[in-house]
Amino acid sequence: INTMSSSTETKEKKKKRNRFLLRNPEKSKMNQYWYSIKTIDTFVDEVLRHSKLGCAFVSSPSIYFSLKTRLQKTDPKSHFLSKCKVLDIDNKWKNDPGFVYFDFNKVDSCIDKSLHHKFDYIIVDPPFITEEVWEKYIHAVQLLLAPNDTSKSEKENHSDPFGKVLFTTVQENDKMLKKHFGDSIRPNQFKPSIPHLTYQYCVYTNYDSEAFSQENDEIQS
């Protein structure tokens, strides 16, 4: 048996199952680099596991549209997607009902007041890793994120007074993130695979995640 050939074939089949990756070539001029299929699936699972009010996908269209495809196939009667928004600068998706044009240099004008504090889960994947850019994305998070459900018991609630966040960025941004979110924001064992990005990102969350407590076998140590 040619195991190498079988492995390659399996990867190609998986890619073909992801409609977004097939239909949306990366645009290096816009710093568009997509997660691997496994990372996308892991993030989609995490959103479905933790979000009830809705998720804001900020500069992370691959996760939003993969979630959309998943729900269309597995739970077509679900209303969850109608509670979600994808905020992105690429107008190619402007006809999607969940699309919100987002320019990180114009955060306040791009995020309508009707979206303020509407989401209990936010994924953020900025096109740049500089602190200057991240400051603007953090402002967007502060506008979008809903407070925790105060009706929950203290045991059920996580340590942060607001909803849950998932950020992907380089480890060098650890201090910068902690400056804004304190010790509630922390890196996880799971690291995202971004095949065409030259440096390795980490996954930061402000809650404990069972899925992210495991290493990603796509990442070579």
N, C-alpha and C. Protein backbone atom coordinates (compact mmCIF):
# COMPACT_ATOMS: atom_id res chain seq x y z
N ILE A 1 0.85 -1.20 0.00
CA ILE A 1 0.00 0.00 0.00
C ILE A 1 0.88 1.24 0.00
N ASN A 2 0.59 2.18 -0.86
CA ASN A 2 1.34 3.44 -0.93
C ASN A 2 0.69 4.42 0.04
N THR A 3 1.21 4.44 1.29
CA THR A 3 0.60 5.28 2.33
C THR A 3 0.74 6.77 2.03
N MET A 4 1.85 7.18 1.42
CA MET A 4 2.05 8.60 1.10
C MET A 4 1.02 9.07 0.10
N SER A 5 0.79 8.25 -0.89
CA SER A 5 -0.21 8.58 -1.90
C SER A 5 -1.60 8.66 -1.29
N SER A 6 -1.89 7.71 -0.38
CA SER A 6 -3.21 7.70 0.27
C SER A 6 -3.40 8.93 1.14
N SER A 7 -2.32 9.33 1.85
CA SER A 7 -2.40 10.51 2.70
C SER A 7 -2.66 11.77 1.89
N THR A 8 -1.95 11.91 0.77
CA THR A 8 -2.14 13.06 -0.11
C THR A 8 -3.55 13.11 -0.65
N GLU A 9 -4.04 11.95 -1.03
CA GLU A 9 -5.39 11.87 -1.58
C GLU A 9 -6.43 12.26 -0.54
N THR A 10 -6.20 11.82 0.71
CA THR A 10 -7.13 12.16 1.79
C THR A 10 -7.17 13.66 2.02
N LYS A 11 -5.98 14.31 2.01
CA LYS A 11 -5.92 15.76 2.21
C LYS A 11 -6.65 16.50 1.11
N GLU A 12 -6.49 16.03 -0.11
CA GLU A 12 -7.16 16.67 -1.25
C GLU A 12 -8.67 16.53 -1.13
N LYS A 13 -9.12 15.36 -0.69
CA LYS A 13 -10.56 15.14 -0.53
C LYS A 13 -11.13 16.06 0.54
N LYS A 14 -10.35 16.24 1.63
CA LYS A 14 -10.80 17.13 2.70
C LYS A 14 -10.92 18.55 2.20
N LYS A 15 -9.94 18.98 1.42
CA LYS A 15 -9.97 20.34 0.89
C LYS A 15 -11.19 20.54 0.01
N LYS A 16 -11.51 19.52 -0.77
CA LYS A 16 -12.65 19.62 -1.66
C LYS A 16 -13.95 19.70 -0.89
N ARG A 17 -13.94 19.21 0.37
CA ARG A 17 -15.16 19.28 1.17
C ARG A 17 -15.35 20.67 1.77
N ASN A 18 -14.32 21.51 1.71
CA ASN A 18 -14.46 22.85 2.25
C ASN A 18 -14.72 23.83 1.11
N ARG A 19 -15.96 24.23 1.00
CA ARG A 19 -16.39 25.09 -0.10
C ARG A 19 -15.66 26.42 -0.10
N PHE A 20 -15.42 26.96 1.10
CA PHE A 20 -14.78 28.27 1.18
C PHE A 20 -13.37 28.23 0.60
N LEU A 21 -12.57 27.25 0.99
CA LEU A 21 -11.19 27.16 0.51
C LEU A 21 -11.13 26.96 -1.00
N LEU A 22 -12.11 26.26 -1.53
CA LEU A 22 -12.15 26.04 -2.98
C LEU A 22 -12.48 27.31 -3.74
N ARG A 23 -13.38 28.09 -3.20
CA ARG A 23 -13.92 29.24 -3.94
C ARG A 23 -13.18 30.55 -3.68
N ASN A 24 -12.30 30.55 -2.69
CA ASN A 24 -11.68 31.82 -2.30
C ASN A 24 -10.16 31.70 -2.22
N PRO A 25 -9.47 31.88 -3.33
CA PRO A 25 -8.01 31.88 -3.30
C PRO A 25 -7.49 32.98 -2.38
N GLU A 26 -6.40 32.72 -1.70
CA GLU A 26 -5.80 33.72 -0.82
C GLU A 26 -5.32 34.93 -1.62
N LYS A 27 -5.43 36.11 -1.00
CA LYS A 27 -4.95 37.34 -1.63
C LYS A 27 -3.80 37.87 -0.77
N SER A 28 -2.58 37.61 -1.20
CA SER A 28 -1.42 38.02 -0.41
C SER A 28 -1.35 39.53 -0.26
N LYS A 29 -1.84 40.28 -1.25
CA LYS A 29 -1.81 41.74 -1.17
C LYS A 29 -2.68 42.26 -0.03
N MET A 30 -3.68 41.46 0.36
CA MET A 30 -4.55 41.85 1.47
C MET A 30 -4.18 41.08 2.74
N ASN A 31 -3.04 40.39 2.70
CA ASN A 31 -2.62 39.54 3.82
C ASN A 31 -3.68 38.51 4.18
N GLN A 32 -4.30 37.95 3.16
CA GLN A 32 -5.29 36.89 3.35
C GLN A 32 -4.59 35.54 3.28
N TYR A 33 -4.53 34.88 4.42
CA TYR A 33 -3.97 33.53 4.48
C TYR A 33 -4.92 32.67 5.30
N TRP A 34 -5.42 31.61 4.70
CA TRP A 34 -6.47 30.82 5.34
C TRP A 34 -5.90 29.73 6.26
N TYR A 35 -6.68 29.43 7.29
CA TYR A 35 -6.38 28.30 8.17
C TYR A 35 -6.52 26.99 7.40
N SER A 36 -5.90 25.96 7.94
CA SER A 36 -6.08 24.62 7.37
C SER A 36 -7.50 24.13 7.63
N ILE A 37 -7.89 23.08 6.93
CA ILE A 37 -9.23 22.53 7.10
C ILE A 37 -9.45 22.03 8.53
N LYS A 38 -8.43 21.41 9.13
CA LYS A 38 -8.58 20.92 10.51
C LYS A 38 -8.74 22.08 11.48
N THR A 39 -7.95 23.12 11.32
CA THR A 39 -8.07 24.29 12.20
C THR A 39 -9.43 24.95 12.04
N ILE A 40 -9.88 25.08 10.82
CA ILE A 40 -11.22 25.64 10.57
C ILE A 40 -12.28 24.82 11.28
N ASP A 41 -12.23 23.51 11.12
CA ASP A 41 -13.22 22.64 11.75
C ASP A 41 -13.18 22.75 13.27
N THR A 42 -11.98 22.85 13.82
CA THR A 42 -11.83 22.98 15.28
C THR A 42 -12.44 24.28 15.77
N PHE A 43 -12.23 25.35 15.05
CA PHE A 43 -12.79 26.65 15.43
C PHE A 43 -14.32 26.66 15.30
N VAL A 44 -14.82 26.06 14.24
CA VAL A 44 -16.27 25.98 14.05
C VAL A 44 -16.90 25.20 15.21
N ASP A 45 -16.28 24.07 15.58
CA ASP A 45 -16.77 23.28 16.72
C ASP A 45 -16.81 24.13 17.98
N GLU A 46 -15.78 24.94 18.17
CA GLU A 46 -15.66 25.75 19.38
C GLU A 46 -16.77 26.81 19.44
N VAL A 47 -17.07 27.43 18.32
CA VAL A 47 -18.15 28.41 18.26
C VAL A 47 -19.48 27.76 18.61
N LEU A 48 -19.76 26.63 18.01
CA LEU A 48 -21.03 25.94 18.26
C LEU A 48 -21.14 25.44 19.70
N ARG A 49 -20.00 25.15 20.29
CA ARG A 49 -20.00 24.66 21.67
C ARG A 49 -20.23 25.78 22.68
N HIS A 50 -19.76 26.98 22.38
CA HIS A 50 -19.73 28.03 23.40
C HIS A 50 -20.65 29.23 23.15
N SER A 51 -21.11 29.42 21.93
CA SER A 51 -21.90 30.63 21.64
C SER A 51 -23.40 30.33 21.61
N LYS A 52 -24.15 31.19 22.25
CA LYS A 52 -25.63 31.11 22.24
C LYS A 52 -26.23 32.37 21.61
N LEU A 53 -25.69 33.54 21.99
CA LEU A 53 -26.23 34.80 21.49
C LEU A 53 -25.80 35.08 20.05
N GLY A 54 -24.68 34.51 19.64
CA GLY A 54 -24.16 34.75 18.30
C GLY A 54 -22.68 35.08 18.35
N CYS A 55 -22.01 34.86 17.22
CA CYS A 55 -20.57 35.07 17.13
C CYS A 55 -20.26 36.15 16.10
N ALA A 56 -19.31 37.01 16.43
CA ALA A 56 -18.79 37.98 15.47
C ALA A 56 -17.45 37.46 14.96
N PHE A 57 -17.36 37.27 13.66
CA PHE A 57 -16.15 36.76 13.03
C PHE A 57 -15.41 37.96 12.43
N VAL A 58 -14.44 38.49 13.17
CA VAL A 58 -13.78 39.73 12.76
C VAL A 58 -12.52 39.38 11.96
N SER A 59 -12.55 39.72 10.68
CA SER A 59 -11.45 39.39 9.76
C SER A 59 -11.15 37.88 9.78
N SER A 60 -12.19 37.09 9.92
CA SER A 60 -12.02 35.63 9.92
C SER A 60 -13.13 34.97 9.09
N PRO A 61 -13.22 35.34 7.80
CA PRO A 61 -14.32 34.84 6.96
C PRO A 61 -14.31 33.33 6.75
N SER A 62 -13.14 32.72 6.77
CA SER A 62 -13.10 31.26 6.53
C SER A 62 -13.87 30.50 7.59
N ILE A 63 -13.87 31.02 8.82
CA ILE A 63 -14.61 30.34 9.90
C ILE A 63 -16.11 30.58 9.76
N TYR A 64 -16.48 31.81 9.47
CA TYR A 64 -17.90 32.13 9.30
C TYR A 64 -18.53 31.30 8.18
N PHE A 65 -17.92 31.31 7.02
CA PHE A 65 -18.53 30.63 5.88
C PHE A 65 -18.46 29.10 6.01
N SER A 66 -17.47 28.61 6.72
CA SER A 66 -17.41 27.17 6.97
C SER A 66 -18.49 26.76 7.98
N LEU A 67 -18.75 27.64 8.95
CA LEU A 67 -19.86 27.41 9.88
C LEU A 67 -21.18 27.40 9.12
N LYS A 68 -21.33 28.33 8.20
CA LYS A 68 -22.55 28.41 7.41
C LYS A 68 -22.78 27.12 6.63
N THR A 69 -21.75 26.62 5.99
CA THR A 69 -21.84 25.37 5.23
C THR A 69 -22.17 24.21 6.15
N ARG A 70 -21.53 24.17 7.32
CA ARG A 70 -21.78 23.09 8.29
C ARG A 70 -23.24 23.06 8.70
N LEU A 71 -23.79 24.22 9.05
CA LEU A 71 -25.18 24.28 9.50
C LEU A 71 -26.15 23.94 8.38
N GLN A 72 -25.85 24.37 7.17
CA GLN A 72 -26.71 24.05 6.04
C GLN A 72 -26.81 22.54 5.82
N LYS A 73 -25.72 21.84 6.12
CA LYS A 73 -25.68 20.39 5.92
C LYS A 73 -26.24 19.61 7.10
N THR A 74 -25.94 20.07 8.31
CA THR A 74 -26.25 19.27 9.49
C THR A 74 -27.48 19.75 10.26
N ASP A 75 -27.80 21.05 10.16
CA ASP A 75 -28.92 21.58 10.93
C ASP A 75 -29.58 22.74 10.16
N PRO A 76 -30.19 22.42 9.02
CA PRO A 76 -30.73 23.48 8.15
C PRO A 76 -31.81 24.35 8.79
N LYS A 77 -32.43 23.88 9.86
CA LYS A 77 -33.47 24.66 10.53
C LYS A 77 -32.91 25.57 11.62
N SER A 78 -31.60 25.49 11.84
CA SER A 78 -30.99 26.30 12.89
C SER A 78 -31.07 27.80 12.56
N HIS A 79 -31.33 28.60 13.60
CA HIS A 79 -31.37 30.05 13.44
C HIS A 79 -30.08 30.70 13.94
N PHE A 80 -29.11 29.88 14.32
CA PHE A 80 -27.90 30.43 14.92
C PHE A 80 -27.16 31.36 13.98
N LEU A 81 -27.06 30.99 12.71
CA LEU A 81 -26.28 31.81 11.78
C LEU A 81 -26.85 33.22 11.65
N SER A 82 -28.15 33.37 11.80
CA SER A 82 -28.77 34.69 11.69
C SER A 82 -28.34 35.60 12.84
N LYS A 83 -27.76 35.02 13.89
CA LYS A 83 -27.28 35.80 15.03
C LYS A 83 -25.81 36.19 14.86
N CYS A 84 -25.19 35.69 13.79
CA CYS A 84 -23.75 35.89 13.59
C CYS A 84 -23.48 36.95 12.51
N LYS A 85 -22.31 37.54 12.59
CA LYS A 85 -21.87 38.50 11.58
C LYS A 85 -20.41 38.23 11.23
N VAL A 86 -20.07 38.46 9.96
CA VAL A 86 -18.68 38.41 9.53
C VAL A 86 -18.26 39.82 9.15
N LEU A 87 -17.28 40.34 9.85
CA LEU A 87 -16.81 41.71 9.63
C LEU A 87 -15.50 41.65 8.86
N ASP A 88 -15.51 42.18 7.64
CA ASP A 88 -14.32 42.05 6.80
C ASP A 88 -14.26 43.21 5.80
N ILE A 89 -13.04 43.48 5.33
CA ILE A 89 -12.84 44.57 4.38
C ILE A 89 -13.08 44.14 2.93
N ASP A 90 -13.09 42.83 2.69
CA ASP A 90 -13.24 42.32 1.33
C ASP A 90 -14.72 42.30 0.92
N ASN A 91 -15.08 43.19 0.02
CA ASN A 91 -16.48 43.33 -0.38
C ASN A 91 -16.99 42.20 -1.28
N LYS A 92 -16.15 41.23 -1.57
CA LYS A 92 -16.61 40.11 -2.41
C LYS A 92 -17.74 39.35 -1.72
N TRP A 93 -17.87 39.49 -0.41
CA TRP A 93 -18.92 38.78 0.33
C TRP A 93 -20.09 39.70 0.72
N LYS A 94 -20.17 40.87 0.09
CA LYS A 94 -21.16 41.88 0.53
C LYS A 94 -22.60 41.42 0.37
N ASN A 95 -22.85 40.44 -0.48
CA ASN A 95 -24.23 39.98 -0.68
C ASN A 95 -24.68 38.95 0.36
N ASP A 96 -23.76 38.51 1.21
CA ASP A 96 -24.16 37.60 2.28
C ASP A 96 -24.89 38.39 3.36
N PRO A 97 -26.02 37.88 3.85
CA PRO A 97 -26.82 38.60 4.86
C PRO A 97 -26.05 38.93 6.14
N GLY A 98 -25.01 38.14 6.44
CA GLY A 98 -24.26 38.36 7.67
C GLY A 98 -23.04 39.25 7.50
N PHE A 99 -22.82 39.74 6.29
CA PHE A 99 -21.61 40.52 6.02
C PHE A 99 -21.74 41.95 6.54
N VAL A 100 -20.66 42.41 7.18
CA VAL A 100 -20.55 43.81 7.62
C VAL A 100 -19.20 44.32 7.13
N TYR A 101 -19.22 45.36 6.32
CA TYR A 101 -17.96 45.93 5.86
C TYR A 101 -17.18 46.46 7.05
N PHE A 102 -15.90 46.08 7.12
CA PHE A 102 -15.10 46.46 8.28
C PHE A 102 -13.70 46.90 7.86
N ASP A 103 -13.39 48.14 8.16
CA ASP A 103 -12.06 48.70 7.95
C ASP A 103 -11.52 49.03 9.34
N PHE A 104 -10.42 48.39 9.75
CA PHE A 104 -9.94 48.58 11.12
C PHE A 104 -9.49 50.01 11.40
N ASN A 105 -9.33 50.82 10.36
CA ASN A 105 -9.00 52.23 10.57
C ASN A 105 -10.25 53.09 10.81
N LYS A 106 -11.43 52.46 10.67
CA LYS A 106 -12.69 53.19 10.84
C LYS A 106 -13.65 52.36 11.70
N VAL A 107 -13.17 51.90 12.82
CA VAL A 107 -13.94 50.98 13.66
C VAL A 107 -15.30 51.54 14.04
N ASP A 108 -15.34 52.74 14.54
CA ASP A 108 -16.60 53.30 15.06
C ASP A 108 -17.65 53.49 13.97
N SER A 109 -17.21 53.89 12.80
CA SER A 109 -18.18 54.10 11.72
C SER A 109 -18.61 52.78 11.07
N CYS A 110 -17.78 51.77 11.16
CA CYS A 110 -18.11 50.48 10.53
C CYS A 110 -19.04 49.63 11.41
N ILE A 111 -18.91 49.77 12.71
CA ILE A 111 -19.72 48.95 13.62
C ILE A 111 -20.92 49.76 14.09
N ASP A 112 -22.05 49.46 13.51
CA ASP A 112 -23.29 50.17 13.85
C ASP A 112 -23.67 49.92 15.31
N LYS A 113 -24.34 50.89 15.90
CA LYS A 113 -24.74 50.75 17.31
C LYS A 113 -25.63 49.55 17.56
N SER A 114 -26.34 49.12 16.52
CA SER A 114 -27.22 47.95 16.67
C SER A 114 -26.43 46.67 16.93
N LEU A 115 -25.12 46.71 16.66
CA LEU A 115 -24.27 45.53 16.89
C LEU A 115 -23.51 45.61 18.21
N HIS A 116 -23.64 46.72 18.91
CA HIS A 116 -22.89 46.87 20.15
C HIS A 116 -23.34 45.86 21.20
N HIS A 117 -22.39 45.14 21.76
CA HIS A 117 -22.62 44.19 22.86
C HIS A 117 -23.67 43.13 22.51
N LYS A 118 -23.63 42.66 21.26
CA LYS A 118 -24.62 41.69 20.78
C LYS A 118 -24.08 40.25 20.78
N PHE A 119 -22.78 40.08 20.91
CA PHE A 119 -22.18 38.76 20.67
C PHE A 119 -21.49 38.22 21.92
N ASP A 120 -21.75 36.94 22.21
CA ASP A 120 -21.11 36.33 23.37
C ASP A 120 -19.83 35.59 23.00
N TYR A 121 -19.49 35.61 21.72
CA TYR A 121 -18.26 34.96 21.27
C TYR A 121 -17.71 35.76 20.09
N ILE A 122 -16.40 36.01 20.10
CA ILE A 122 -15.77 36.78 19.02
C ILE A 122 -14.46 36.12 18.61
N ILE A 123 -14.32 35.91 17.32
CA ILE A 123 -13.05 35.43 16.76
C ILE A 123 -12.38 36.58 16.03
N VAL A 124 -11.11 36.79 16.31
CA VAL A 124 -10.37 37.90 15.70
C VAL A 124 -9.07 37.38 15.09
N ASP A 125 -8.88 37.69 13.82
CA ASP A 125 -7.66 37.29 13.12
C ASP A 125 -7.20 38.46 12.23
N PRO A 126 -6.56 39.47 12.83
CA PRO A 126 -6.16 40.66 12.06
C PRO A 126 -5.16 40.31 10.95
N PRO A 127 -5.14 41.12 9.90
CA PRO A 127 -4.20 40.88 8.81
C PRO A 127 -2.77 41.28 9.16
N PHE A 128 -2.60 42.02 10.26
CA PHE A 128 -1.27 42.47 10.69
C PHE A 128 -1.10 42.18 12.18
N ILE A 129 0.15 42.03 12.62
CA ILE A 129 0.40 41.64 14.00
C ILE A 129 0.91 42.79 14.86
N THR A 130 0.99 43.99 14.31
CA THR A 130 1.52 45.13 15.06
C THR A 130 0.56 45.57 16.16
N GLU A 131 1.13 46.15 17.22
CA GLU A 131 0.30 46.61 18.34
C GLU A 131 -0.66 47.70 17.89
N GLU A 132 -0.22 48.56 16.99
CA GLU A 132 -1.07 49.64 16.50
C GLU A 132 -2.36 49.10 15.87
N VAL A 133 -2.23 48.05 15.08
CA VAL A 133 -3.40 47.44 14.46
C VAL A 133 -4.24 46.71 15.49
N TRP A 134 -3.58 45.97 16.37
CA TRP A 134 -4.31 45.22 17.39
C TRP A 134 -5.12 46.14 18.31
N GLU A 135 -4.60 47.32 18.60
CA GLU A 135 -5.33 48.28 19.44
C GLU A 135 -6.70 48.58 18.82
N LYS A 136 -6.75 48.68 17.51
CA LYS A 136 -8.00 48.99 16.81
C LYS A 136 -8.95 47.79 16.83
N TYR A 137 -8.40 46.61 16.71
CA TYR A 137 -9.24 45.41 16.79
C TYR A 137 -9.77 45.20 18.21
N ILE A 138 -8.96 45.51 19.19
CA ILE A 138 -9.42 45.40 20.57
C ILE A 138 -10.56 46.38 20.83
N HIS A 139 -10.49 47.56 20.26
CA HIS A 139 -11.59 48.51 20.37
C HIS A 139 -12.86 47.92 19.75
N ALA A 140 -12.72 47.24 18.62
CA ALA A 140 -13.88 46.59 17.99
C ALA A 140 -14.46 45.51 18.90
N VAL A 141 -13.59 44.74 19.52
CA VAL A 141 -14.05 43.70 20.46
C VAL A 141 -14.83 44.32 21.60
N GLN A 142 -14.34 45.42 22.14
CA GLN A 142 -15.01 46.09 23.25
C GLN A 142 -16.40 46.59 22.85
N LEU A 143 -16.57 46.96 21.60
CA LEU A 143 -17.88 47.39 21.13
C LEU A 143 -18.83 46.21 20.91
N LEU A 144 -18.30 45.11 20.44
CA LEU A 144 -19.14 43.98 20.02
C LEU A 144 -19.49 43.01 21.14
N LEU A 145 -18.62 42.86 22.10
CA LEU A 145 -18.75 41.78 23.08
C LEU A 145 -19.84 42.05 24.12
N ALA A 146 -20.66 41.05 24.34
CA ALA A 146 -21.74 41.15 25.33
C ALA A 146 -21.23 40.80 26.72
N PRO A 147 -21.85 41.37 27.77
CA PRO A 147 -21.50 40.96 29.13
C PRO A 147 -21.87 39.50 29.35
N ASN A 148 -21.23 38.90 30.33
CA ASN A 148 -21.59 37.54 30.70
C ASN A 148 -23.03 37.46 31.17
N ASP A 149 -23.60 36.29 31.06
CA ASP A 149 -24.96 36.05 31.55
C ASP A 149 -24.92 36.00 33.07
N THR A 150 -25.39 37.07 33.70
CA THR A 150 -25.32 37.15 35.16
C THR A 150 -26.26 36.18 35.86
N SER A 151 -27.14 35.55 35.09
CA SER A 151 -28.05 34.58 35.70
C SER A 151 -27.37 33.24 35.94
N LYS A 152 -26.19 33.05 35.32
CA LYS A 152 -25.46 31.80 35.50
C LYS A 152 -24.80 31.78 36.87
N SER A 153 -24.56 30.58 37.35
CA SER A 153 -23.85 30.46 38.62
C SER A 153 -22.39 30.83 38.43
N GLU A 154 -21.72 31.14 39.52
CA GLU A 154 -20.31 31.52 39.42
C GLU A 154 -19.48 30.38 38.85
N LYS A 155 -19.86 29.16 39.16
CA LYS A 155 -19.13 27.98 38.67
C LYS A 155 -19.24 27.86 37.16
N GLU A 156 -20.42 28.17 36.63
CA GLU A 156 -20.63 28.06 35.19
C GLU A 156 -19.95 29.20 34.43
N ASN A 157 -19.84 30.35 35.10
CA ASN A 157 -19.27 31.52 34.44
C ASN A 157 -17.76 31.43 34.40
N HIS A 158 -17.14 31.95 33.35
CA HIS A 158 -15.68 32.01 33.34
C HIS A 158 -15.24 33.31 34.01
N SER A 159 -13.93 33.49 34.17
CA SER A 159 -13.42 34.56 35.02
C SER A 159 -13.63 35.96 34.44
N ASP A 160 -13.76 36.06 33.15
CA ASP A 160 -13.88 37.37 32.55
C ASP A 160 -15.33 37.86 32.63
N PRO A 161 -15.55 39.17 32.94
CA PRO A 161 -16.93 39.66 33.09
C PRO A 161 -17.68 39.77 31.77
N PHE A 162 -16.98 39.62 30.67
CA PHE A 162 -17.64 39.70 29.37
C PHE A 162 -17.63 38.35 28.67
N GLY A 163 -18.11 38.33 27.44
CA GLY A 163 -18.20 37.08 26.70
C GLY A 163 -16.85 36.49 26.37
N LYS A 164 -16.86 35.49 25.51
CA LYS A 164 -15.64 34.74 25.21
C LYS A 164 -14.99 35.23 23.92
N VAL A 165 -13.66 35.21 23.93
CA VAL A 165 -12.91 35.65 22.76
C VAL A 165 -11.90 34.58 22.35
N LEU A 166 -11.64 34.55 21.05
CA LEU A 166 -10.61 33.69 20.48
C LEU A 166 -9.78 34.57 19.54
N PHE A 167 -8.53 34.75 19.89
CA PHE A 167 -7.62 35.56 19.08
C PHE A 167 -6.52 34.67 18.51
N THR A 168 -6.10 34.92 17.29
CA THR A 168 -4.92 34.24 16.78
C THR A 168 -3.88 35.29 16.40
N THR A 169 -2.68 35.13 16.97
CA THR A 169 -1.59 36.06 16.72
C THR A 169 -0.29 35.42 17.18
N VAL A 170 0.81 36.13 16.99
CA VAL A 170 2.12 35.59 17.39
C VAL A 170 2.30 35.68 18.90
N GLN A 171 3.14 34.82 19.43
CA GLN A 171 3.38 34.78 20.86
C GLN A 171 3.98 36.08 21.39
N GLU A 172 4.67 36.80 20.51
CA GLU A 172 5.29 38.07 20.92
C GLU A 172 4.26 39.11 21.34
N ASN A 173 2.99 38.89 21.00
CA ASN A 173 1.93 39.84 21.39
C ASN A 173 1.30 39.51 22.75
N ASP A 174 1.88 38.55 23.44
CA ASP A 174 1.33 38.12 24.72
C ASP A 174 1.19 39.28 25.71
N LYS A 175 2.24 40.05 25.90
CA LYS A 175 2.21 41.16 26.87
C LYS A 175 1.19 42.21 26.47
N MET A 176 1.12 42.48 25.19
CA MET A 176 0.17 43.48 24.70
C MET A 176 -1.26 43.05 24.99
N LEU A 177 -1.59 41.79 24.74
CA LEU A 177 -2.95 41.30 25.01
C LEU A 177 -3.25 41.33 26.51
N LYS A 178 -2.26 40.95 27.32
CA LYS A 178 -2.47 40.96 28.78
C LYS A 178 -2.64 42.38 29.31
N LYS A 179 -2.05 43.34 28.64
CA LYS A 179 -2.21 44.74 29.05
C LYS A 179 -3.67 45.16 28.99
N HIS A 180 -4.40 44.60 28.02
CA HIS A 180 -5.80 44.96 27.83
C HIS A 180 -6.77 44.01 28.54
N PHE A 181 -6.41 42.74 28.63
CA PHE A 181 -7.35 41.74 29.15
C PHE A 181 -6.89 41.09 30.45
N GLY A 182 -5.73 41.47 30.94
CA GLY A 182 -5.23 40.87 32.17
C GLY A 182 -4.90 39.40 32.00
N ASP A 183 -4.86 38.70 33.13
CA ASP A 183 -4.49 37.29 33.10
C ASP A 183 -5.60 36.39 32.55
N SER A 184 -6.77 36.99 32.27
CA SER A 184 -7.86 36.17 31.73
C SER A 184 -7.56 35.70 30.31
N ILE A 185 -6.68 36.42 29.61
CA ILE A 185 -6.34 36.02 28.24
C ILE A 185 -5.04 35.20 28.29
N ARG A 186 -5.05 34.04 27.63
CA ARG A 186 -3.88 33.16 27.73
C ARG A 186 -3.75 32.29 26.49
N PRO A 187 -2.53 31.88 26.18
CA PRO A 187 -2.32 31.00 25.03
C PRO A 187 -2.72 29.56 25.35
N ASN A 188 -3.04 28.81 24.33
CA ASN A 188 -3.46 27.42 24.49
C ASN A 188 -2.44 26.48 23.87
N GLN A 189 -2.56 25.22 24.21
CA GLN A 189 -1.68 24.20 23.63
C GLN A 189 -1.92 24.09 22.11
N PHE A 190 -3.18 24.16 21.72
CA PHE A 190 -3.53 24.06 20.31
C PHE A 190 -3.05 25.30 19.57
N LYS A 191 -2.33 25.08 18.48
CA LYS A 191 -1.88 26.19 17.63
C LYS A 191 -2.49 26.01 16.24
N PRO A 192 -2.90 27.10 15.63
CA PRO A 192 -3.57 26.98 14.33
C PRO A 192 -2.57 26.70 13.21
N SER A 193 -3.01 25.91 12.26
CA SER A 193 -2.21 25.70 11.06
C SER A 193 -2.66 26.69 9.99
N ILE A 194 -1.72 27.48 9.51
CA ILE A 194 -1.96 28.42 8.41
C ILE A 194 -0.89 28.12 7.37
N PRO A 195 -1.18 27.22 6.46
CA PRO A 195 -0.16 26.62 5.59
C PRO A 195 0.75 27.60 4.86
N HIS A 196 0.23 28.75 4.44
CA HIS A 196 1.04 29.65 3.63
C HIS A 196 1.57 30.86 4.40
N LEU A 197 1.46 30.81 5.73
CA LEU A 197 2.02 31.87 6.57
C LEU A 197 3.38 31.42 7.06
N THR A 198 4.36 32.31 7.02
CA THR A 198 5.74 31.90 7.31
C THR A 198 6.04 31.77 8.80
N TYR A 199 5.23 32.40 9.67
CA TYR A 199 5.49 32.30 11.10
C TYR A 199 4.29 31.66 11.79
N GLN A 200 4.53 31.15 13.00
CA GLN A 200 3.52 30.38 13.72
C GLN A 200 2.68 31.27 14.64
N TYR A 201 1.38 31.13 14.53
CA TYR A 201 0.45 31.82 15.42
C TYR A 201 0.14 30.95 16.65
N CYS A 202 -0.38 31.62 17.66
CA CYS A 202 -0.93 30.95 18.84
C CYS A 202 -2.43 31.23 18.90
N VAL A 203 -3.15 30.44 19.69
CA VAL A 203 -4.57 30.67 19.94
C VAL A 203 -4.71 31.21 21.36
N TYR A 204 -5.24 32.41 21.49
CA TYR A 204 -5.48 33.02 22.81
C TYR A 204 -6.98 33.03 23.09
N THR A 205 -7.34 32.62 24.30
CA THR A 205 -8.74 32.69 24.73
C THR A 205 -8.80 33.25 26.15
N ASN A 206 -9.98 33.71 26.54
CA ASN A 206 -10.18 34.19 27.91
C ASN A 206 -11.02 33.19 28.71
N TYR A 207 -10.98 31.92 28.29
CA TYR A 207 -11.70 30.86 28.98
C TYR A 207 -10.94 29.55 28.75
N ASP A 208 -11.23 28.55 29.57
CA ASP A 208 -10.60 27.25 29.42
C ASP A 208 -11.32 26.45 28.34
N SER A 209 -10.55 25.87 27.44
CA SER A 209 -11.11 25.11 26.34
C SER A 209 -10.52 23.70 26.32
N GLU A 210 -11.39 22.72 26.40
CA GLU A 210 -10.92 21.33 26.34
C GLU A 210 -10.30 21.03 24.98
N ALA A 211 -10.92 21.53 23.92
CA ALA A 211 -10.42 21.27 22.57
C ALA A 211 -9.04 21.88 22.37
N PHE A 212 -8.82 23.05 22.94
CA PHE A 212 -7.55 23.74 22.75
C PHE A 212 -6.47 23.30 23.74
N SER A 213 -6.81 22.39 24.63
CA SER A 213 -5.82 21.87 25.58
C SER A 213 -4.95 20.79 24.95
N GLN A 214 -5.31 20.38 23.73
CA GLN A 214 -4.56 19.37 23.00
C GLN A 214 -3.73 20.01 21.90
N GLU A 215 -2.55 19.49 21.64
CA GLU A 215 -1.72 20.01 20.58
C GLU A 215 -2.32 19.67 19.21
N ASN A 216 -2.09 20.52 18.24
CA ASN A 216 -2.53 20.29 16.87
C ASN A 216 -1.46 19.43 16.18
N ASP A 217 -1.83 18.24 15.78
CA ASP A 217 -0.83 17.33 15.18
C ASP A 217 -0.36 17.79 13.80
N GLU A 218 -0.97 18.85 13.28
CA GLU A 218 -0.49 19.42 12.01
C GLU A 218 0.79 20.25 12.21
N ILE A 219 1.00 20.70 13.44
CA ILE A 219 2.12 21.57 13.75
C ILE A 219 3.32 20.75 14.21
N GLN A 220 4.41 20.88 13.53
CA GLN A 220 5.62 20.17 13.90
C GLN A 220 6.32 20.90 15.03
N SER A 221 6.65 20.15 16.07
CA SER A 221 7.30 20.78 17.24
C SER A 221 8.79 20.98 17.00
